[in-house]
């Protein structure tokens, strides 16, 4: 019978939760029971986390780290801390939805920055830029179609991808 330690199934790859929780206890100078009480979890929860048989939620980790005055941070490949996006409560569309996070939001768009300008629609207080590659392709195609006489004999540019 082998008693070799098996890798913990609850530990996410590259994030040593059990060792970090033990480090929190060392920094704070607390027993498992004292840490559990300070973080508002059971002593068994701390024990299972340190054993690697329980992967705690981010909220629980945040409370555990907070006991020692530590906090979670997200860093990129270069080690720089990534700041969360600011959620502007008043920058939402007509259905009270956030604008897409992957697109740049335009607060108080200028004439021509909103797609509805070409139709004479009332400009909203905010909008967003669509995918740049798609916009560039659409602009190139549109310019070619409008100036077809100028570019007679040249092959048309490729059609913009349809992202619907």
Protein backbone atom coordinates (compact mmCIF):
# COMPACT_ATOMS: atom_id res chain seq x y z
CA UNK A 1 0.00 0.00 0.00
CA UNK A 2 1.43 3.36 -1.04
CA UNK A 3 0.98 6.44 1.10
CA UNK A 4 2.52 8.87 -1.40
CA UNK A 5 0.74 12.21 -1.44
CA UNK A 6 -1.63 12.52 -4.39
CA UNK A 7 -1.98 15.92 -6.05
CA UNK A 8 -4.88 17.86 -4.61
CA UNK A 9 -7.85 17.81 -6.96
CA UNK A 10 -9.31 21.03 -5.54
CA UNK A 11 -6.16 23.10 -6.10
CA UNK A 12 -6.25 25.09 -9.34
CA UNK A 13 -3.08 24.69 -11.41
CA UNK A 14 -0.53 27.36 -10.56
CA UNK A 15 -2.43 28.75 -7.58
CA UNK A 16 -1.28 27.09 -4.34
CA UNK A 17 -4.28 27.86 -2.13
CA UNK A 18 -3.32 25.49 0.72
CA UNK A 19 0.13 27.06 1.08
CA UNK A 20 -1.28 30.57 0.88
CA UNK A 21 -3.80 29.89 3.64
CA UNK A 22 -1.03 28.43 5.82
CA UNK A 23 1.04 31.56 5.07
CA UNK A 24 -1.89 33.73 6.20
CA UNK A 25 -1.98 31.83 9.49
CA UNK A 26 1.78 32.33 9.92
CA UNK A 27 1.58 36.08 9.18
CA UNK A 28 -1.38 36.57 11.50
CA UNK A 29 -0.03 34.16 14.13
CA UNK A 30 -3.34 32.30 14.37
CA UNK A 31 -4.40 28.69 14.79
CA UNK A 32 -6.85 27.14 12.34
CA UNK A 33 -9.65 27.70 14.84
CA UNK A 34 -8.72 31.39 15.37
CA UNK A 35 -8.40 32.03 11.61
CA UNK A 36 -11.74 30.34 10.99
CA UNK A 37 -13.44 32.50 13.62
CA UNK A 38 -11.86 35.71 12.26
CA UNK A 39 -12.82 34.84 8.66
CA UNK A 40 -16.33 33.68 9.54
CA UNK A 41 -15.92 30.07 8.39
CA UNK A 42 -15.72 26.76 10.23
CA UNK A 43 -12.45 25.28 11.50
CA UNK A 44 -13.11 22.25 9.29
CA UNK A 45 -13.26 24.52 6.24
CA UNK A 46 -9.81 25.94 7.01
CA UNK A 47 -8.48 22.43 7.59
CA UNK A 48 -9.91 21.13 4.29
CA UNK A 49 -8.53 24.14 2.38
CA UNK A 50 -5.06 23.61 3.87
CA UNK A 51 -5.29 19.90 3.06
CA UNK A 52 -6.19 20.72 -0.54
CA UNK A 53 -9.51 18.87 -0.53
CA UNK A 54 -11.61 22.05 -0.75
CA UNK A 55 -11.26 24.90 -3.23
CA UNK A 56 -12.74 27.97 -1.53
CA UNK A 57 -14.72 30.62 -3.36
CA UNK A 58 -13.07 33.97 -4.06
CA UNK A 59 -15.26 35.58 -1.40
CA UNK A 60 -14.00 33.12 1.24
CA UNK A 61 -10.38 33.56 0.12
CA UNK A 62 -10.80 37.31 0.32
CA UNK A 63 -12.05 37.06 3.91
CA UNK A 64 -9.24 34.67 4.88
CA UNK A 65 -6.55 36.89 3.30
CA UNK A 66 -8.14 39.97 4.86
CA UNK A 67 -7.49 38.59 8.35
CA UNK A 68 -3.74 39.04 7.70
CA UNK A 69 -4.21 42.36 5.91
CA UNK A 70 -3.65 40.76 2.48
CA UNK A 71 -5.77 41.12 -0.65
CA UNK A 72 -6.12 39.37 -4.00
CA UNK A 73 -4.73 40.97 -7.13
CA UNK A 74 -4.79 40.10 -10.83
CA UNK A 75 -1.47 40.50 -12.64
CA UNK A 76 -0.52 40.12 -16.29
CA UNK A 77 2.43 38.14 -17.69
CA UNK A 78 4.78 41.02 -16.86
CA UNK A 79 3.68 41.13 -13.21
CA UNK A 80 1.72 44.38 -13.53
CA UNK A 81 -1.45 44.66 -11.48
CA UNK A 82 -4.55 44.84 -13.68
CA UNK A 83 -7.13 47.33 -12.46
CA UNK A 84 -10.84 46.50 -12.78
CA UNK A 85 -12.95 48.39 -15.29
CA UNK A 86 -14.91 51.31 -13.89
CA UNK A 87 -18.65 50.66 -14.02
CA UNK A 88 -20.35 53.93 -14.93
CA UNK A 89 -23.85 53.62 -13.50
CA UNK A 90 -25.26 56.19 -15.92
CA UNK A 91 -23.61 54.72 -19.06
CA UNK A 92 -26.18 52.09 -20.02
CA UNK A 93 -28.30 51.54 -23.09
CA UNK A 94 -32.07 52.07 -23.30
CA UNK A 95 -32.73 48.62 -21.81
CA UNK A 96 -30.47 49.37 -18.79
CA UNK A 97 -27.72 47.03 -20.04
CA UNK A 98 -23.99 47.71 -19.87
CA UNK A 99 -22.25 48.39 -23.14
CA UNK A 100 -19.97 45.55 -24.32
CA UNK A 101 -16.80 45.42 -22.21
CA UNK A 102 -14.61 44.49 -25.15
CA UNK A 103 -15.51 47.67 -27.06
CA UNK A 104 -14.55 51.26 -26.29
CA UNK A 105 -17.49 53.26 -24.94
CA UNK A 106 -17.93 56.78 -26.33
CA UNK A 107 -19.41 59.19 -23.82
CA UNK A 108 -21.23 62.10 -25.51
CA UNK A 109 -20.47 61.08 -29.12
CA UNK A 110 -19.56 63.73 -31.66
CA UNK A 111 -21.34 63.96 -35.03
CA UNK A 112 -20.32 60.95 -37.13
CA UNK A 113 -19.34 58.76 -34.19
CA UNK A 114 -22.71 57.02 -34.03
CA UNK A 115 -24.07 54.72 -36.70
CA UNK A 116 -27.52 56.37 -36.52
CA UNK A 117 -26.19 59.76 -37.64
CA UNK A 118 -26.39 58.66 -41.27
CA UNK A 119 -30.15 58.10 -40.82
CA UNK A 120 -30.81 61.33 -38.96
CA UNK A 121 -31.62 59.57 -35.69
CA UNK A 122 -31.29 61.36 -32.36
CA UNK A 123 -27.79 60.83 -30.97
CA UNK A 124 -27.69 58.91 -27.63
CA UNK A 125 -25.69 60.18 -24.63
CA UNK A 126 -23.23 57.32 -25.17
CA UNK A 127 -22.45 54.58 -27.66
CA UNK A 128 -19.52 52.32 -28.46
CA UNK A 129 -17.05 51.63 -31.22
CA UNK A 130 -17.63 48.34 -32.95
CA UNK A 131 -14.89 45.86 -33.82
CA UNK A 132 -12.15 47.85 -35.54
CA UNK A 133 -11.31 45.18 -38.12
CA UNK A 134 -14.94 44.95 -39.14
CA UNK A 135 -15.32 48.76 -39.22
CA UNK A 136 -12.24 49.15 -41.41
CA UNK A 137 -13.47 46.50 -43.85
CA UNK A 138 -16.94 48.08 -43.98
CA UNK A 139 -15.47 51.54 -44.56
CA UNK A 140 -13.19 50.28 -47.35
CA UNK A 141 -16.10 48.48 -49.06
CA UNK A 142 -18.40 51.49 -48.67
CA UNK A 143 -15.83 53.90 -50.12
CA UNK A 144 -15.31 51.58 -53.09
CA UNK A 145 -19.06 51.30 -53.73
CA UNK A 146 -19.61 55.07 -53.49
CA UNK A 147 -16.67 55.83 -55.76
CA UNK A 148 -17.20 52.90 -58.15
CA UNK A 149 -16.62 55.10 -61.19
CA UNK A 150 -13.25 56.17 -59.82
CA UNK A 151 -12.17 52.56 -59.24
CA UNK A 152 -13.67 51.06 -62.39
CA UNK A 153 -11.70 48.03 -63.49
CA UNK A 154 -10.29 47.30 -60.01
CA UNK A 155 -11.47 44.25 -58.10
CA UNK A 156 -13.77 45.09 -55.17
CA UNK A 157 -12.41 44.84 -51.64
CA UNK A 158 -13.52 41.82 -49.61
CA UNK A 159 -16.88 41.99 -47.89
CA UNK A 160 -16.91 42.82 -44.20
CA UNK A 161 -17.56 39.80 -42.00
CA UNK A 162 -21.15 39.50 -40.80
CA UNK A 163 -21.09 39.48 -36.98
CA UNK A 164 -24.82 39.03 -36.39
